[in-house]
Amino acid sequence: MSDARERGIKVISEMMSPEFAKQMASGAGSDEFCGDVGTMALEHAFGSVWARSGLERKQRSMVTIGVLVALGQILELKNHIRIGLKNGCSVVELQEILIQTIPYAGYPAFASAVTATVEVLREMGLDTKTRTSEEKGLL
């Protein structure tokens, strides 16, 4: 096993769960469709980038969340909202990250990100009262 792969598995275990890391590692490099992409994610994204010194994981989460909002990558955003919470981001900080994206990514990207974030917060029992724009009939 490469050093980058080992680091990647360690980082994912700490940020998500050992079970999640095991599942990801078992699919990485498999003969499944795009199985090699799992290897790339383990070794590059997590084993090389997320494992670097220079930024705290919380800071890396904040950057990643902002980028995913700007790119409109809502499914991956949900994963990184979960990771951000695990890495120490508060609900207020998540709100501020989303608000910070408005001048750069626009209100539509913000609205989609809010919906995704509220869904994750509900799933984790952190917010049960906020209604999304869709639920309010605004979109």
N, C-alpha and C. Protein backbone atom coordinates (compact mmCIF):
# COMPACT_ATOMS: atom_id res chain seq x y z
N MET A 1 0.85 -1.18 0.00
CA MET A 1 0.00 0.00 0.00
C MET A 1 0.90 1.24 0.00
N SER A 2 0.58 2.21 -0.84
CA SER A 2 1.38 3.43 -0.91
C SER A 2 1.18 4.28 0.33
N ASP A 3 2.18 5.13 0.61
CA ASP A 3 2.08 6.05 1.75
C ASP A 3 0.89 6.99 1.59
N ALA A 4 0.68 7.49 0.37
CA ALA A 4 -0.44 8.42 0.13
C ALA A 4 -1.77 7.72 0.37
N ARG A 5 -1.88 6.47 -0.02
CA ARG A 5 -3.13 5.71 0.21
C ARG A 5 -3.36 5.53 1.71
N GLU A 6 -2.32 5.15 2.43
CA GLU A 6 -2.43 4.98 3.89
C GLU A 6 -2.85 6.28 4.57
N ARG A 7 -2.22 7.40 4.16
CA ARG A 7 -2.60 8.70 4.73
C ARG A 7 -4.04 9.03 4.40
N GLY A 8 -4.45 8.76 3.16
CA GLY A 8 -5.82 9.02 2.74
C GLY A 8 -6.83 8.24 3.56
N ILE A 9 -6.57 6.98 3.78
CA ILE A 9 -7.47 6.14 4.58
C ILE A 9 -7.54 6.68 6.01
N LYS A 10 -6.40 7.09 6.56
CA LYS A 10 -6.37 7.64 7.92
C LYS A 10 -7.20 8.92 8.00
N VAL A 11 -7.01 9.84 7.05
CA VAL A 11 -7.74 11.11 7.04
C VAL A 11 -9.24 10.86 6.92
N ILE A 12 -9.64 10.01 6.01
CA ILE A 12 -11.07 9.73 5.82
C ILE A 12 -11.66 9.07 7.06
N SER A 13 -10.91 8.16 7.66
CA SER A 13 -11.37 7.51 8.90
C SER A 13 -11.65 8.54 9.98
N GLU A 14 -10.77 9.51 10.11
CA GLU A 14 -10.91 10.53 11.13
C GLU A 14 -12.03 11.53 10.81
N MET A 15 -12.21 11.84 9.54
CA MET A 15 -13.20 12.85 9.17
C MET A 15 -14.59 12.27 8.95
N MET A 16 -14.68 11.07 8.51
CA MET A 16 -15.99 10.45 8.26
C MET A 16 -16.22 9.34 9.28
N SER A 17 -15.59 8.20 9.04
CA SER A 17 -15.65 7.08 9.98
C SER A 17 -14.74 5.98 9.44
N PRO A 18 -14.28 5.11 10.30
CA PRO A 18 -13.49 3.97 9.81
C PRO A 18 -14.28 3.12 8.81
N GLU A 19 -15.59 2.97 9.04
CA GLU A 19 -16.42 2.18 8.13
C GLU A 19 -16.49 2.82 6.75
N PHE A 20 -16.66 4.16 6.72
CA PHE A 20 -16.71 4.88 5.45
C PHE A 20 -15.38 4.71 4.70
N ALA A 21 -14.26 4.86 5.43
CA ALA A 21 -12.94 4.72 4.82
C ALA A 21 -12.74 3.31 4.28
N LYS A 22 -13.18 2.31 5.03
CA LYS A 22 -13.05 0.92 4.58
C LYS A 22 -13.83 0.69 3.31
N GLN A 23 -15.05 1.22 3.26
CA GLN A 23 -15.89 1.07 2.07
C GLN A 23 -15.25 1.78 0.87
N MET A 24 -14.74 2.98 1.10
CA MET A 24 -14.10 3.72 0.01
C MET A 24 -12.85 2.99 -0.48
N ALA A 25 -12.05 2.51 0.45
CA ALA A 25 -10.82 1.81 0.08
C ALA A 25 -11.11 0.51 -0.67
N SER A 26 -12.18 -0.17 -0.31
CA SER A 26 -12.49 -1.43 -0.99
C SER A 26 -12.92 -1.20 -2.44
N GLY A 27 -13.55 -0.06 -2.71
CA GLY A 27 -13.94 0.25 -4.08
C GLY A 27 -12.81 0.85 -4.91
N ALA A 28 -11.83 1.44 -4.23
CA ALA A 28 -10.72 2.10 -4.92
C ALA A 28 -9.85 1.07 -5.62
N GLY A 29 -9.67 1.28 -6.90
CA GLY A 29 -8.83 0.38 -7.69
C GLY A 29 -9.53 -0.90 -8.10
N SER A 30 -10.81 -1.00 -7.80
CA SER A 30 -11.55 -2.21 -8.18
C SER A 30 -11.80 -2.19 -9.69
N ASP A 31 -12.34 -3.28 -10.17
CA ASP A 31 -12.65 -3.34 -11.61
C ASP A 31 -14.04 -2.77 -11.89
N GLU A 32 -14.66 -2.13 -10.87
CA GLU A 32 -15.94 -1.46 -11.08
C GLU A 32 -15.74 -0.28 -12.02
N PHE A 33 -16.84 0.18 -12.60
CA PHE A 33 -16.80 1.35 -13.46
C PHE A 33 -16.18 2.51 -12.70
N CYS A 34 -15.13 3.09 -13.21
CA CYS A 34 -14.40 4.22 -12.62
C CYS A 34 -13.80 3.90 -11.25
N GLY A 35 -13.51 2.64 -10.99
CA GLY A 35 -12.90 2.25 -9.73
C GLY A 35 -11.58 2.94 -9.46
N ASP A 36 -10.85 3.27 -10.51
CA ASP A 36 -9.56 3.96 -10.33
C ASP A 36 -9.73 5.37 -9.78
N VAL A 37 -10.90 5.95 -9.94
CA VAL A 37 -11.14 7.30 -9.41
C VAL A 37 -11.09 7.26 -7.88
N GLY A 38 -11.55 6.19 -7.27
CA GLY A 38 -11.45 6.04 -5.83
C GLY A 38 -10.00 6.06 -5.36
N THR A 39 -9.14 5.43 -6.13
CA THR A 39 -7.71 5.45 -5.81
C THR A 39 -7.17 6.87 -5.91
N MET A 40 -7.57 7.58 -6.95
CA MET A 40 -7.13 8.97 -7.11
C MET A 40 -7.58 9.82 -5.94
N ALA A 41 -8.84 9.66 -5.53
CA ALA A 41 -9.37 10.44 -4.41
C ALA A 41 -8.62 10.10 -3.12
N LEU A 42 -8.43 8.82 -2.86
CA LEU A 42 -7.71 8.41 -1.65
C LEU A 42 -6.30 8.96 -1.62
N GLU A 43 -5.58 8.77 -2.71
CA GLU A 43 -4.16 9.13 -2.72
C GLU A 43 -3.93 10.62 -2.92
N HIS A 44 -4.70 11.24 -3.79
CA HIS A 44 -4.44 12.65 -4.10
C HIS A 44 -5.22 13.59 -3.18
N ALA A 45 -6.55 13.54 -3.27
CA ALA A 45 -7.36 14.49 -2.50
C ALA A 45 -7.13 14.34 -1.00
N PHE A 46 -7.21 13.12 -0.50
CA PHE A 46 -7.11 12.93 0.94
C PHE A 46 -5.69 12.64 1.41
N GLY A 47 -4.97 11.77 0.72
CA GLY A 47 -3.63 11.39 1.16
C GLY A 47 -2.56 12.43 0.91
N SER A 48 -2.76 13.29 -0.08
CA SER A 48 -1.77 14.32 -0.39
C SER A 48 -2.24 15.72 0.00
N VAL A 49 -3.47 16.10 -0.37
CA VAL A 49 -3.93 17.47 -0.12
C VAL A 49 -4.47 17.63 1.30
N TRP A 50 -5.49 16.85 1.68
CA TRP A 50 -6.07 16.99 3.02
C TRP A 50 -5.05 16.66 4.12
N ALA A 51 -4.06 15.84 3.83
CA ALA A 51 -3.07 15.44 4.84
C ALA A 51 -1.95 16.47 5.01
N ARG A 52 -1.92 17.49 4.19
CA ARG A 52 -0.86 18.51 4.28
C ARG A 52 -0.95 19.31 5.57
N SER A 53 0.20 19.80 5.99
CA SER A 53 0.20 20.78 7.07
C SER A 53 0.00 22.15 6.44
N GLY A 54 -0.18 23.17 7.23
CA GLY A 54 -0.35 24.53 6.69
C GLY A 54 -1.72 25.10 6.93
N LEU A 55 -2.74 24.26 6.89
CA LEU A 55 -4.10 24.67 7.23
C LEU A 55 -4.66 23.60 8.17
N GLU A 56 -5.49 24.05 9.10
CA GLU A 56 -6.23 23.12 9.95
C GLU A 56 -7.32 22.47 9.10
N ARG A 57 -7.78 21.31 9.50
CA ARG A 57 -8.85 20.65 8.75
C ARG A 57 -10.11 21.52 8.70
N LYS A 58 -10.40 22.22 9.77
CA LYS A 58 -11.56 23.11 9.76
C LYS A 58 -11.43 24.14 8.64
N GLN A 59 -10.25 24.72 8.49
CA GLN A 59 -10.02 25.71 7.44
C GLN A 59 -10.16 25.07 6.07
N ARG A 60 -9.62 23.87 5.91
CA ARG A 60 -9.76 23.16 4.63
C ARG A 60 -11.23 22.90 4.32
N SER A 61 -12.00 22.55 5.35
CA SER A 61 -13.43 22.34 5.15
C SER A 61 -14.11 23.62 4.68
N MET A 62 -13.76 24.73 5.30
CA MET A 62 -14.37 26.01 4.92
C MET A 62 -14.08 26.35 3.46
N VAL A 63 -12.86 26.16 3.04
CA VAL A 63 -12.49 26.42 1.64
C VAL A 63 -13.26 25.48 0.72
N THR A 64 -13.28 24.20 1.06
CA THR A 64 -13.93 23.20 0.21
C THR A 64 -15.42 23.48 0.08
N ILE A 65 -16.07 23.83 1.17
CA ILE A 65 -17.50 24.14 1.13
C ILE A 65 -17.75 25.33 0.21
N GLY A 66 -16.96 26.38 0.34
CA GLY A 66 -17.12 27.55 -0.53
C GLY A 66 -16.96 27.21 -2.00
N VAL A 67 -15.96 26.40 -2.31
CA VAL A 67 -15.71 26.00 -3.70
C VAL A 67 -16.88 25.17 -4.23
N LEU A 68 -17.36 24.23 -3.44
CA LEU A 68 -18.47 23.38 -3.89
C LEU A 68 -19.75 24.18 -4.11
N VAL A 69 -19.98 25.19 -3.26
CA VAL A 69 -21.14 26.07 -3.48
C VAL A 69 -20.98 26.78 -4.82
N ALA A 70 -19.80 27.35 -5.04
CA ALA A 70 -19.56 28.10 -6.28
C ALA A 70 -19.69 27.23 -7.51
N LEU A 71 -19.30 25.96 -7.39
CA LEU A 71 -19.40 25.04 -8.52
C LEU A 71 -20.78 24.41 -8.66
N GLY A 72 -21.63 24.62 -7.67
CA GLY A 72 -22.97 24.04 -7.71
C GLY A 72 -22.98 22.53 -7.52
N GLN A 73 -22.00 22.01 -6.82
CA GLN A 73 -21.87 20.56 -6.62
C GLN A 73 -22.55 20.15 -5.32
N ILE A 74 -23.86 20.08 -5.36
CA ILE A 74 -24.69 19.93 -4.17
C ILE A 74 -24.52 18.57 -3.50
N LEU A 75 -24.43 17.49 -4.25
CA LEU A 75 -24.26 16.17 -3.62
C LEU A 75 -22.95 16.10 -2.85
N GLU A 76 -21.88 16.56 -3.45
CA GLU A 76 -20.58 16.56 -2.77
C GLU A 76 -20.59 17.58 -1.63
N LEU A 77 -21.31 18.68 -1.79
CA LEU A 77 -21.44 19.67 -0.72
C LEU A 77 -22.01 19.03 0.54
N LYS A 78 -23.02 18.19 0.39
CA LYS A 78 -23.61 17.54 1.56
C LYS A 78 -22.55 16.74 2.32
N ASN A 79 -21.73 15.99 1.60
CA ASN A 79 -20.65 15.24 2.26
C ASN A 79 -19.72 16.18 3.01
N HIS A 80 -19.40 17.30 2.39
CA HIS A 80 -18.43 18.21 3.01
C HIS A 80 -19.05 19.07 4.11
N ILE A 81 -20.37 19.22 4.13
CA ILE A 81 -21.02 19.84 5.29
C ILE A 81 -20.85 18.90 6.48
N ARG A 82 -21.08 17.59 6.25
CA ARG A 82 -20.88 16.60 7.32
C ARG A 82 -19.43 16.62 7.80
N ILE A 83 -18.50 16.63 6.85
CA ILE A 83 -17.07 16.65 7.20
C ILE A 83 -16.74 17.94 7.94
N GLY A 84 -17.27 19.08 7.48
CA GLY A 84 -17.01 20.35 8.13
C GLY A 84 -17.46 20.35 9.58
N LEU A 85 -18.63 19.79 9.84
CA LEU A 85 -19.11 19.70 11.22
C LEU A 85 -18.17 18.82 12.05
N LYS A 86 -17.75 17.72 11.48
CA LYS A 86 -16.81 16.82 12.18
C LYS A 86 -15.47 17.53 12.43
N ASN A 87 -15.09 18.41 11.49
CA ASN A 87 -13.82 19.13 11.60
C ASN A 87 -13.92 20.39 12.46
N GLY A 88 -15.08 20.62 13.07
CA GLY A 88 -15.20 21.71 14.03
C GLY A 88 -15.94 22.94 13.57
N CYS A 89 -16.49 22.93 12.37
CA CYS A 89 -17.29 24.09 11.93
C CYS A 89 -18.60 24.11 12.71
N SER A 90 -18.98 25.29 13.17
CA SER A 90 -20.26 25.44 13.86
C SER A 90 -21.34 25.72 12.82
N VAL A 91 -22.59 25.62 13.24
CA VAL A 91 -23.71 25.94 12.36
C VAL A 91 -23.63 27.41 11.94
N VAL A 92 -23.27 28.29 12.86
CA VAL A 92 -23.13 29.72 12.52
C VAL A 92 -22.02 29.90 11.49
N GLU A 93 -20.91 29.21 11.64
CA GLU A 93 -19.83 29.32 10.65
C GLU A 93 -20.27 28.80 9.30
N LEU A 94 -21.03 27.71 9.27
CA LEU A 94 -21.54 27.20 7.99
C LEU A 94 -22.42 28.25 7.32
N GLN A 95 -23.28 28.88 8.11
CA GLN A 95 -24.13 29.95 7.58
C GLN A 95 -23.28 31.07 6.98
N GLU A 96 -22.24 31.47 7.67
CA GLU A 96 -21.39 32.56 7.19
C GLU A 96 -20.60 32.16 5.94
N ILE A 97 -20.20 30.90 5.86
CA ILE A 97 -19.53 30.43 4.64
C ILE A 97 -20.48 30.58 3.46
N LEU A 98 -21.72 30.16 3.64
CA LEU A 98 -22.70 30.25 2.55
C LEU A 98 -22.96 31.71 2.17
N ILE A 99 -23.12 32.56 3.16
CA ILE A 99 -23.35 33.99 2.87
C ILE A 99 -22.15 34.58 2.14
N GLN A 100 -20.94 34.17 2.50
CA GLN A 100 -19.72 34.68 1.85
C GLN A 100 -19.68 34.35 0.37
N THR A 101 -20.37 33.28 -0.03
CA THR A 101 -20.35 32.90 -1.45
C THR A 101 -21.27 33.74 -2.32
N ILE A 102 -22.23 34.45 -1.72
CA ILE A 102 -23.24 35.17 -2.52
C ILE A 102 -22.62 36.14 -3.53
N PRO A 103 -21.70 37.04 -3.13
CA PRO A 103 -21.19 37.99 -4.13
C PRO A 103 -20.38 37.34 -5.25
N TYR A 104 -19.92 36.12 -5.03
CA TYR A 104 -19.03 35.47 -6.00
C TYR A 104 -19.73 34.38 -6.81
N ALA A 105 -20.69 33.69 -6.19
CA ALA A 105 -21.37 32.59 -6.87
C ALA A 105 -22.83 32.90 -7.19
N GLY A 106 -23.41 33.89 -6.49
CA GLY A 106 -24.77 34.30 -6.77
C GLY A 106 -25.81 33.70 -5.84
N TYR A 107 -26.98 34.32 -5.87
CA TYR A 107 -28.08 33.88 -5.02
C TYR A 107 -28.60 32.48 -5.36
N PRO A 108 -28.70 32.11 -6.66
CA PRO A 108 -29.18 30.75 -6.95
C PRO A 108 -28.27 29.67 -6.35
N ALA A 109 -26.95 29.84 -6.46
CA ALA A 109 -26.03 28.86 -5.87
C ALA A 109 -26.19 28.84 -4.36
N PHE A 110 -26.33 30.01 -3.76
CA PHE A 110 -26.54 30.12 -2.32
C PHE A 110 -27.81 29.38 -1.91
N ALA A 111 -28.92 29.61 -2.63
CA ALA A 111 -30.20 28.99 -2.28
C ALA A 111 -30.11 27.46 -2.33
N SER A 112 -29.47 26.94 -3.35
CA SER A 112 -29.31 25.48 -3.46
C SER A 112 -28.45 24.95 -2.32
N ALA A 113 -27.41 25.70 -1.98
CA ALA A 113 -26.52 25.29 -0.90
C ALA A 113 -27.23 25.32 0.45
N VAL A 114 -28.09 26.31 0.65
CA VAL A 114 -28.85 26.39 1.91
C VAL A 114 -29.74 25.16 2.04
N THR A 115 -30.43 24.80 0.98
CA THR A 115 -31.29 23.61 1.02
C THR A 115 -30.48 22.38 1.39
N ALA A 116 -29.36 22.18 0.75
CA ALA A 116 -28.50 21.02 1.03
C ALA A 116 -28.01 21.04 2.47
N THR A 117 -27.62 22.22 2.95
CA THR A 117 -27.11 22.34 4.31
C THR A 117 -28.20 22.07 5.33
N VAL A 118 -29.38 22.62 5.13
CA VAL A 118 -30.50 22.38 6.05
C VAL A 118 -30.83 20.89 6.08
N GLU A 119 -30.80 20.22 4.94
CA GLU A 119 -31.08 18.78 4.91
C GLU A 119 -30.07 18.02 5.77
N VAL A 120 -28.80 18.38 5.67
CA VAL A 120 -27.77 17.72 6.48
C VAL A 120 -27.95 18.06 7.96
N LEU A 121 -28.23 19.31 8.27
CA LEU A 121 -28.43 19.70 9.67
C LEU A 121 -29.62 18.97 10.28
N ARG A 122 -30.67 18.78 9.50
CA ARG A 122 -31.83 18.01 9.98
C ARG A 122 -31.43 16.56 10.23
N GLU A 123 -30.74 15.99 9.27
CA GLU A 123 -30.29 14.60 9.37
C GLU A 123 -29.47 14.38 10.65
N MET A 124 -28.68 15.39 11.01
CA MET A 124 -27.81 15.28 12.18
C MET A 124 -28.47 15.79 13.46
N GLY A 125 -29.73 16.22 13.36
CA GLY A 125 -30.46 16.70 14.52
C GLY A 125 -30.01 18.06 15.02
N LEU A 126 -29.39 18.87 14.15
CA LEU A 126 -28.86 20.17 14.55
C LEU A 126 -29.79 21.33 14.22
N ASP A 127 -30.79 21.10 13.38
CA ASP A 127 -31.74 22.16 13.04
C ASP A 127 -33.03 21.49 12.61
N THR A 128 -34.08 21.72 13.34
CA THR A 128 -35.36 21.11 12.99
C THR A 128 -36.42 22.14 12.65
N LYS A 129 -36.06 23.43 12.70
CA LYS A 129 -37.08 24.46 12.48
C LYS A 129 -36.90 25.26 11.19
N THR A 130 -35.71 25.31 10.63
CA THR A 130 -35.49 26.12 9.44
C THR A 130 -36.18 25.50 8.24
N ARG A 131 -36.92 26.32 7.52
CA ARG A 131 -37.56 25.87 6.29
C ARG A 131 -36.73 26.36 5.11
N THR A 132 -36.61 25.52 4.10
CA THR A 132 -35.87 25.90 2.90
C THR A 132 -36.73 26.83 2.06
N SER A 133 -36.10 27.47 1.08
CA SER A 133 -36.84 28.34 0.16
C SER A 133 -37.95 27.57 -0.55
N GLU A 134 -37.66 26.33 -0.92
CA GLU A 134 -38.66 25.50 -1.58
C GLU A 134 -39.86 25.26 -0.66
N GLU A 135 -39.57 24.99 0.61
CA GLU A 135 -40.64 24.75 1.58
C GLU A 135 -41.46 26.01 1.86
N LYS A 136 -40.83 27.16 1.73
CA LYS A 136 -41.53 28.43 1.93
C LYS A 136 -42.29 28.86 0.68
N GLY A 137 -42.08 28.13 -0.42
CA GLY A 137 -42.74 28.46 -1.68
C GLY A 137 -42.07 29.61 -2.42
N LEU A 138 -40.80 29.86 -2.14
CA LEU A 138 -40.10 30.95 -2.79
C LEU A 138 -39.34 30.52 -4.04
N LEU A 139 -39.20 29.24 -4.23
CA LEU A 139 -38.51 28.74 -5.44
C LEU A 139 -39.38 27.74 -6.14
